N, C-alpha and C. Protein backbone atom coordinates (compact mmCIF):
# COMPACT_ATOMS: atom_id res chain seq x y z
N MET A 1 0.82 -1.19 0.00
CA MET A 1 0.00 0.00 0.00
C MET A 1 0.87 1.25 0.00
N LYS A 2 1.97 1.23 0.75
CA LYS A 2 2.86 2.39 0.79
C LYS A 2 3.46 2.66 -0.58
N LYS A 3 3.75 1.58 -1.32
CA LYS A 3 4.33 1.74 -2.64
C LYS A 3 3.34 2.43 -3.59
N ILE A 4 2.08 2.08 -3.50
CA ILE A 4 1.05 2.69 -4.36
C ILE A 4 0.90 4.16 -4.03
N ILE A 5 0.85 4.48 -2.76
CA ILE A 5 0.70 5.88 -2.34
C ILE A 5 1.91 6.69 -2.76
N SER A 6 3.11 6.15 -2.58
CA SER A 6 4.30 6.90 -2.98
C SER A 6 4.36 7.06 -4.49
N THR A 7 3.88 6.07 -5.25
CA THR A 7 3.85 6.19 -6.71
C THR A 7 2.89 7.28 -7.14
N VAL A 8 1.72 7.34 -6.54
CA VAL A 8 0.74 8.37 -6.87
C VAL A 8 1.29 9.76 -6.53
N ILE A 9 1.93 9.89 -5.39
CA ILE A 9 2.53 11.18 -5.01
C ILE A 9 3.61 11.59 -6.00
N LEU A 10 4.43 10.64 -6.42
CA LEU A 10 5.48 10.92 -7.39
C LEU A 10 4.89 11.36 -8.73
N VAL A 11 3.84 10.69 -9.19
CA VAL A 11 3.21 11.04 -10.47
C VAL A 11 2.61 12.44 -10.40
N VAL A 12 1.93 12.74 -9.31
CA VAL A 12 1.34 14.08 -9.16
C VAL A 12 2.42 15.14 -9.11
N ALA A 13 3.51 14.88 -8.39
CA ALA A 13 4.61 15.84 -8.32
C ALA A 13 5.23 16.06 -9.70
N CYS A 14 5.42 14.98 -10.45
CA CYS A 14 5.98 15.10 -11.80
C CYS A 14 5.05 15.87 -12.71
N SER A 15 3.76 15.62 -12.59
CA SER A 15 2.81 16.33 -13.45
C SER A 15 2.78 17.81 -13.10
N LEU A 16 2.91 18.16 -11.83
CA LEU A 16 2.97 19.56 -11.46
C LEU A 16 4.25 20.22 -11.98
N PHE A 17 5.36 19.48 -11.96
CA PHE A 17 6.61 19.99 -12.51
C PHE A 17 6.47 20.24 -14.00
N VAL A 18 5.89 19.28 -14.72
CA VAL A 18 5.72 19.44 -16.17
C VAL A 18 4.79 20.62 -16.45
N GLY A 19 3.72 20.72 -15.71
CA GLY A 19 2.79 21.83 -15.90
C GLY A 19 3.42 23.17 -15.57
N GLY A 20 4.27 23.20 -14.58
CA GLY A 20 4.91 24.45 -14.19
C GLY A 20 5.97 24.92 -15.16
N THR A 21 6.50 24.00 -15.97
CA THR A 21 7.54 24.39 -16.90
C THR A 21 7.01 24.80 -18.25
N MET A 22 5.72 24.59 -18.50
CA MET A 22 5.14 24.97 -19.78
C MET A 22 4.50 26.35 -19.67
N ALA A 23 4.42 27.03 -20.80
CA ALA A 23 3.92 28.41 -20.81
C ALA A 23 2.43 28.49 -20.53
N GLY A 24 1.67 27.50 -20.86
CA GLY A 24 0.24 27.51 -20.65
C GLY A 24 -0.45 26.85 -21.82
N ALA A 25 -1.66 26.36 -21.59
CA ALA A 25 -2.37 25.61 -22.63
C ALA A 25 -2.66 26.46 -23.85
N GLU A 26 -2.96 27.73 -23.65
CA GLU A 26 -3.30 28.57 -24.78
C GLU A 26 -2.09 28.89 -25.66
N ASN A 27 -0.88 28.74 -25.15
CA ASN A 27 0.33 29.03 -25.91
C ASN A 27 0.97 27.78 -26.50
N TYR A 28 0.40 26.63 -26.27
CA TYR A 28 0.97 25.37 -26.74
C TYR A 28 -0.01 24.78 -27.74
N SER A 29 0.18 25.03 -29.03
CA SER A 29 -0.81 24.69 -30.05
C SER A 29 -0.84 23.21 -30.39
N GLN A 30 0.28 22.51 -30.34
CA GLN A 30 0.32 21.11 -30.68
C GLN A 30 0.08 20.26 -29.44
N PRO A 31 -0.46 19.04 -29.62
CA PRO A 31 -0.66 18.18 -28.45
C PRO A 31 0.67 17.77 -27.82
N ILE A 32 0.64 17.59 -26.52
CA ILE A 32 1.80 17.09 -25.81
C ILE A 32 1.88 15.60 -26.07
N LYS A 33 3.02 15.12 -26.52
CA LYS A 33 3.19 13.71 -26.84
C LYS A 33 3.94 13.02 -25.70
N ILE A 34 3.25 12.06 -25.08
CA ILE A 34 3.83 11.30 -23.98
C ILE A 34 4.13 9.89 -24.50
N GLY A 35 5.38 9.48 -24.43
CA GLY A 35 5.76 8.13 -24.82
C GLY A 35 5.46 7.16 -23.69
N TRP A 36 4.97 5.98 -24.06
CA TRP A 36 4.69 4.97 -23.02
C TRP A 36 4.75 3.57 -23.61
N THR A 37 4.97 2.62 -22.75
CA THR A 37 4.97 1.21 -23.08
C THR A 37 3.91 0.55 -22.22
N ALA A 38 3.23 -0.43 -22.74
CA ALA A 38 2.13 -1.06 -22.01
C ALA A 38 2.64 -2.00 -20.92
N TRP A 39 3.46 -1.46 -20.04
CA TRP A 39 3.88 -2.19 -18.84
C TRP A 39 2.87 -1.89 -17.76
N SER A 40 2.56 -2.85 -16.92
CA SER A 40 1.57 -2.63 -15.88
C SER A 40 1.99 -1.52 -14.92
N SER A 41 3.28 -1.37 -14.70
CA SER A 41 3.76 -0.34 -13.78
C SER A 41 3.76 1.06 -14.40
N THR A 42 3.59 1.15 -15.70
CA THR A 42 3.67 2.43 -16.39
C THR A 42 2.33 2.93 -16.89
N GLU A 43 1.46 2.03 -17.23
CA GLU A 43 0.19 2.41 -17.85
C GLU A 43 -0.64 3.33 -16.96
N ALA A 44 -0.76 3.00 -15.69
CA ALA A 44 -1.56 3.83 -14.78
C ALA A 44 -0.93 5.21 -14.59
N ASN A 45 0.39 5.27 -14.44
CA ASN A 45 1.06 6.57 -14.26
C ASN A 45 0.86 7.46 -15.48
N THR A 46 1.05 6.88 -16.66
CA THR A 46 0.93 7.65 -17.89
C THR A 46 -0.49 8.19 -18.07
N LYS A 47 -1.48 7.34 -17.82
CA LYS A 47 -2.85 7.76 -18.01
C LYS A 47 -3.31 8.75 -16.93
N LEU A 48 -2.74 8.65 -15.74
CA LEU A 48 -3.04 9.63 -14.70
C LEU A 48 -2.48 11.00 -15.07
N VAL A 49 -1.25 11.03 -15.55
CA VAL A 49 -0.66 12.31 -15.96
C VAL A 49 -1.42 12.89 -17.14
N ARG A 50 -1.82 12.02 -18.09
CA ARG A 50 -2.63 12.50 -19.22
C ARG A 50 -3.93 13.14 -18.72
N ALA A 51 -4.61 12.49 -17.78
CA ALA A 51 -5.86 13.01 -17.25
C ALA A 51 -5.65 14.36 -16.57
N ILE A 52 -4.58 14.49 -15.82
CA ILE A 52 -4.29 15.76 -15.14
C ILE A 52 -4.01 16.85 -16.16
N LEU A 53 -3.18 16.54 -17.15
CA LEU A 53 -2.84 17.54 -18.16
C LEU A 53 -4.06 17.96 -18.97
N GLU A 54 -4.95 17.02 -19.31
CA GLU A 54 -6.12 17.35 -20.11
C GLU A 54 -7.23 17.98 -19.29
N ASP A 55 -7.62 17.32 -18.20
CA ASP A 55 -8.80 17.75 -17.46
C ASP A 55 -8.56 18.94 -16.54
N VAL A 56 -7.40 18.98 -15.91
CA VAL A 56 -7.12 20.04 -14.95
C VAL A 56 -6.42 21.22 -15.60
N MET A 57 -5.46 20.92 -16.49
CA MET A 57 -4.62 21.99 -17.03
C MET A 57 -5.02 22.43 -18.44
N GLY A 58 -5.89 21.68 -19.11
CA GLY A 58 -6.42 22.10 -20.39
C GLY A 58 -5.56 21.82 -21.61
N TYR A 59 -4.57 20.97 -21.51
CA TYR A 59 -3.71 20.63 -22.64
C TYR A 59 -4.32 19.50 -23.46
N ASP A 60 -3.99 19.44 -24.73
CA ASP A 60 -4.29 18.28 -25.56
C ASP A 60 -3.11 17.32 -25.43
N VAL A 61 -3.38 16.05 -25.20
CA VAL A 61 -2.33 15.07 -24.98
C VAL A 61 -2.50 13.92 -25.95
N GLU A 62 -1.39 13.48 -26.52
CA GLU A 62 -1.37 12.31 -27.39
C GLU A 62 -0.43 11.28 -26.79
N LEU A 63 -0.92 10.07 -26.55
CA LEU A 63 -0.08 8.99 -26.04
C LEU A 63 0.54 8.26 -27.22
N VAL A 64 1.85 8.07 -27.16
CA VAL A 64 2.58 7.39 -28.22
C VAL A 64 3.14 6.10 -27.65
N MET A 65 2.52 4.96 -28.03
CA MET A 65 3.00 3.68 -27.53
C MET A 65 4.11 3.17 -28.43
N ALA A 66 5.25 2.88 -27.82
CA ALA A 66 6.40 2.38 -28.57
C ALA A 66 7.33 1.67 -27.60
N ASP A 67 8.27 0.93 -28.16
CA ASP A 67 9.30 0.29 -27.35
C ASP A 67 10.16 1.36 -26.69
N VAL A 68 10.78 1.04 -25.59
CA VAL A 68 11.54 2.02 -24.82
C VAL A 68 12.66 2.65 -25.64
N GLY A 69 13.39 1.85 -26.40
CA GLY A 69 14.48 2.39 -27.21
C GLY A 69 14.00 3.41 -28.22
N ILE A 70 12.86 3.14 -28.82
CA ILE A 70 12.28 4.09 -29.78
C ILE A 70 11.82 5.36 -29.07
N GLN A 71 11.34 5.21 -27.84
CA GLN A 71 10.92 6.39 -27.09
C GLN A 71 12.11 7.30 -26.76
N TYR A 72 13.23 6.70 -26.32
CA TYR A 72 14.41 7.52 -26.05
C TYR A 72 14.84 8.27 -27.31
N GLN A 73 14.79 7.59 -28.45
CA GLN A 73 15.14 8.23 -29.71
C GLN A 73 14.14 9.33 -30.04
N GLY A 74 12.87 9.10 -29.79
CA GLY A 74 11.84 10.11 -30.03
C GLY A 74 12.02 11.34 -29.17
N VAL A 75 12.37 11.15 -27.90
CA VAL A 75 12.64 12.29 -27.02
C VAL A 75 13.87 13.06 -27.50
N ALA A 76 14.91 12.34 -27.90
CA ALA A 76 16.13 12.98 -28.39
C ALA A 76 15.87 13.78 -29.67
N ASN A 77 14.99 13.27 -30.53
CA ASN A 77 14.69 13.95 -31.80
C ASN A 77 13.61 15.02 -31.66
N GLY A 78 12.92 15.06 -30.53
CA GLY A 78 11.85 16.02 -30.35
C GLY A 78 10.50 15.53 -30.84
N ASP A 79 10.41 14.27 -31.25
CA ASP A 79 9.14 13.71 -31.70
C ASP A 79 8.22 13.36 -30.54
N ILE A 80 8.79 13.10 -29.37
CA ILE A 80 8.04 12.82 -28.14
C ILE A 80 8.51 13.85 -27.11
N ASP A 81 7.54 14.44 -26.39
CA ASP A 81 7.89 15.47 -25.42
C ASP A 81 8.51 14.91 -24.16
N PHE A 82 7.95 13.82 -23.63
CA PHE A 82 8.54 13.18 -22.45
C PHE A 82 7.96 11.80 -22.28
N MET A 83 8.57 11.02 -21.39
CA MET A 83 8.09 9.70 -21.03
C MET A 83 8.23 9.56 -19.52
N LEU A 84 7.41 8.73 -18.94
CA LEU A 84 7.33 8.64 -17.49
C LEU A 84 7.95 7.38 -16.92
N MET A 85 8.70 6.65 -17.73
CA MET A 85 9.30 5.44 -17.20
C MET A 85 10.73 5.30 -17.69
N CYS A 86 11.45 4.52 -16.93
CA CYS A 86 12.84 4.22 -17.28
C CYS A 86 13.22 2.95 -16.54
N TRP A 87 13.85 2.06 -17.23
CA TRP A 87 14.31 0.84 -16.59
C TRP A 87 15.83 0.86 -16.60
N CYS A 88 16.39 1.27 -15.50
CA CYS A 88 17.85 1.36 -15.38
C CYS A 88 18.36 0.10 -14.67
N PRO A 89 19.41 -0.51 -15.21
CA PRO A 89 19.94 -1.71 -14.55
C PRO A 89 20.63 -1.37 -13.25
């Protein structure tokens, strides 16, 4: 239970950070692209951040499902704005 609560707190904190660094929904014409992989540990976090960005902050969000390596490449190229997971050895 503690792990779930700490995960939710982390996701909310990250979403507030992302929201605080953007100029505002009216100044961001293209949808925010969030990279994600259908891992059970990532799907809920990604969809929670999407809901916060869309419903609370007014942004348009597009989820881009891809393998992790492709997501890193997408972030590096600017095709994906951010991703919420990382598997570091």
